[in-house]
């Protein structure tokens, strides 16, 4: 795992760990984000907003999620598949 991937994964885990699981859709995650949909995740020269995650990774997510780890696994896989990291 690259340094960027590791940093982003840690940030996603921190952000989504406080979500009320199970989460049934993307909107269920918004209250867990420190700045709501405007939350930014940054690692080296990569910056991704929560809105970008929702818009670009919807097809890579398989709701409902029972825990943050499975959600973050799918986010990371989607980011790779979309060439965002």
C-alpha atoms as a PDB file:
ATOM      1  CA  UNK A   1       0.000   0.000   0.000  1.00  0.00           C
ATOM      2  CA  UNK A   2       1.410   3.383  -0.967  1.00  0.00           C
ATOM      3  CA  UNK A   3       1.840   6.209   1.517  1.00  0.00           C
ATOM      4  CA  UNK A   4      -1.065   8.114  -0.105  1.00  0.00           C
ATOM      5  CA  UNK A   5      -3.315   5.060   0.177  1.00  0.00           C
ATOM      6  CA  UNK A   6      -2.340   4.527   3.799  1.00  0.00           C
ATOM      7  CA  UNK A   7      -2.958   8.172   4.720  1.00  0.00           C
ATOM      8  CA  UNK A   8      -6.333   8.264   2.967  1.00  0.00           C
ATOM      9  CA  UNK A   9      -7.410   4.952   4.493  1.00  0.00           C
ATOM     10  CA  UNK A  10      -6.578   6.271   7.977  1.00  0.00           C
ATOM     11  CA  UNK A  11      -8.537   9.476   7.314  1.00  0.00           C
ATOM     12  CA  UNK A  12     -11.552   7.560   6.006  1.00  0.00           C
ATOM     13  CA  UNK A  13     -11.487   5.222   9.001  1.00  0.00           C
ATOM     14  CA  UNK A  14     -11.335   8.194  11.381  1.00  0.00           C
ATOM     15  CA  UNK A  15     -14.186   9.961   9.595  1.00  0.00           C
ATOM     16  CA  UNK A  16     -16.524   7.006   9.219  1.00  0.00           C
ATOM     17  CA  UNK A  17     -15.810   5.175  12.479  1.00  0.00           C
ATOM     18  CA  UNK A  18     -18.413   7.332  14.223  1.00  0.00           C
ATOM     19  CA  UNK A  19     -21.194   6.687  11.704  1.00  0.00           C
ATOM     20  CA  UNK A  20     -24.318   4.967  12.982  1.00  0.00           C
ATOM     21  CA  UNK A  21     -23.958   1.495  11.507  1.00  0.00           C
ATOM     22  CA  UNK A  22     -25.498  -0.127   9.669  1.00  0.00           C
ATOM     23  CA  UNK A  23     -25.566   2.631   7.054  1.00  0.00           C
ATOM     24  CA  UNK A  24     -28.088   2.199   4.269  1.00  0.00           C
ATOM     25  CA  UNK A  25     -26.929   4.881   1.820  1.00  0.00           C
ATOM     26  CA  UNK A  26     -24.434   7.673   1.261  1.00  0.00           C
ATOM     27  CA  UNK A  27     -26.628  10.256   2.985  1.00  0.00           C
ATOM     28  CA  UNK A  28     -26.453   8.202   6.198  1.00  0.00           C
ATOM     29  CA  UNK A  29     -22.716   8.937   6.303  1.00  0.00           C
ATOM     30  CA  UNK A  30     -22.981  12.745   6.167  1.00  0.00           C
ATOM     31  CA  UNK A  31     -23.542  13.255   9.930  1.00  0.00           C
ATOM     32  CA  UNK A  32     -20.301  11.376  10.670  1.00  0.00           C
ATOM     33  CA  UNK A  33     -18.211  13.756   8.562  1.00  0.00           C
ATOM     34  CA  UNK A  34     -16.526  16.617  10.442  1.00  0.00           C
ATOM     35  CA  UNK A  35     -17.489  19.197   7.778  1.00  0.00           C
ATOM     36  CA  UNK A  36     -20.441  17.372   6.267  1.00  0.00           C
ATOM     37  CA  UNK A  37     -20.336  17.013   2.471  1.00  0.00           C
ATOM     38  CA  UNK A  38     -17.546  19.601   2.308  1.00  0.00           C
ATOM     39  CA  UNK A  39     -15.129  17.384   4.225  1.00  0.00           C
ATOM     40  CA  UNK A  40     -11.770  17.046   2.467  1.00  0.00           C
ATOM     41  CA  UNK A  41      -9.409  14.109   2.614  1.00  0.00           C
ATOM     42  CA  UNK A  42      -5.809  14.983   1.734  1.00  0.00           C
ATOM     43  CA  UNK A  43      -2.624  12.999   1.262  1.00  0.00           C
ATOM     44  CA  UNK A  44       0.439  14.360  -0.505  1.00  0.00           C
ATOM     45  CA  UNK A  45      -0.873  15.894  -3.752  1.00  0.00           C
ATOM     46  CA  UNK A  46      -4.250  14.106  -3.643  1.00  0.00           C
ATOM     47  CA  UNK A  47      -7.337  15.931  -2.359  1.00  0.00           C
ATOM     48  CA  UNK A  48     -10.758  14.289  -2.412  1.00  0.00           C
ATOM     49  CA  UNK A  49     -13.941  15.795  -1.042  1.00  0.00           C
ATOM     50  CA  UNK A  50     -16.820  13.830   0.410  1.00  0.00           C
ATOM     51  CA  UNK A  51     -18.943  15.114  -2.496  1.00  0.00           C
ATOM     52  CA  UNK A  52     -16.457  13.650  -4.990  1.00  0.00           C
ATOM     53  CA  UNK A  53     -16.559  10.326  -3.174  1.00  0.00           C
ATOM     54  CA  UNK A  54     -20.340  10.271  -3.410  1.00  0.00           C
ATOM     55  CA  UNK A  55     -20.420  11.307  -7.063  1.00  0.00           C
ATOM     56  CA  UNK A  56     -17.631   9.123  -8.402  1.00  0.00           C
ATOM     57  CA  UNK A  57     -17.789   6.024  -6.242  1.00  0.00           C
ATOM     58  CA  UNK A  58     -21.509   5.289  -6.031  1.00  0.00           C
ATOM     59  CA  UNK A  59     -21.221   2.340  -8.405  1.00  0.00           C
ATOM     60  CA  UNK A  60     -18.403   0.876  -6.306  1.00  0.00           C
ATOM     61  CA  UNK A  61     -20.353   0.861  -3.061  1.00  0.00           C
ATOM     62  CA  UNK A  62     -22.586  -1.958  -1.889  1.00  0.00           C
ATOM     63  CA  UNK A  63     -24.919  -0.595   0.789  1.00  0.00           C
ATOM     64  CA  UNK A  64     -25.816  -1.373   3.510  1.00  0.00           C
ATOM     65  CA  UNK A  65     -22.516  -1.446   5.390  1.00  0.00           C
ATOM     66  CA  UNK A  66     -22.269  -2.999   8.822  1.00  0.00           C
ATOM     67  CA  UNK A  67     -18.925  -1.435   9.762  1.00  0.00           C
ATOM     68  CA  UNK A  68     -16.426   1.246   8.760  1.00  0.00           C
ATOM     69  CA  UNK A  69     -13.797  -1.219   7.592  1.00  0.00           C
ATOM     70  CA  UNK A  70     -15.909  -2.781   4.838  1.00  0.00           C
ATOM     71  CA  UNK A  71     -17.052   0.687   3.731  1.00  0.00           C
ATOM     72  CA  UNK A  72     -13.474   1.971   3.579  1.00  0.00           C
ATOM     73  CA  UNK A  73     -12.331  -1.178   1.734  1.00  0.00           C
ATOM     74  CA  UNK A  74     -14.865  -0.408  -1.018  1.00  0.00           C
ATOM     75  CA  UNK A  75     -13.932   3.292  -1.080  1.00  0.00           C
ATOM     76  CA  UNK A  76     -10.262   2.437  -1.531  1.00  0.00           C
ATOM     77  CA  UNK A  77     -11.007  -0.119  -4.248  1.00  0.00           C
ATOM     78  CA  UNK A  78     -13.236   2.395  -6.038  1.00  0.00           C
ATOM     79  CA  UNK A  79     -10.591   5.122  -5.877  1.00  0.00           C
ATOM     80  CA  UNK A  80      -8.091   2.743  -7.475  1.00  0.00           C
ATOM     81  CA  UNK A  81     -10.511   1.572 -10.159  1.00  0.00           C
ATOM     82  CA  UNK A  82     -11.383   5.178 -11.037  1.00  0.00           C
ATOM     83  CA  UNK A  83      -7.682   6.105 -11.221  1.00  0.00           C
ATOM     84  CA  UNK A  84      -8.054   8.685  -8.448  1.00  0.00           C
ATOM     85  CA  UNK A  85      -5.130   7.208  -6.471  1.00  0.00           C
END
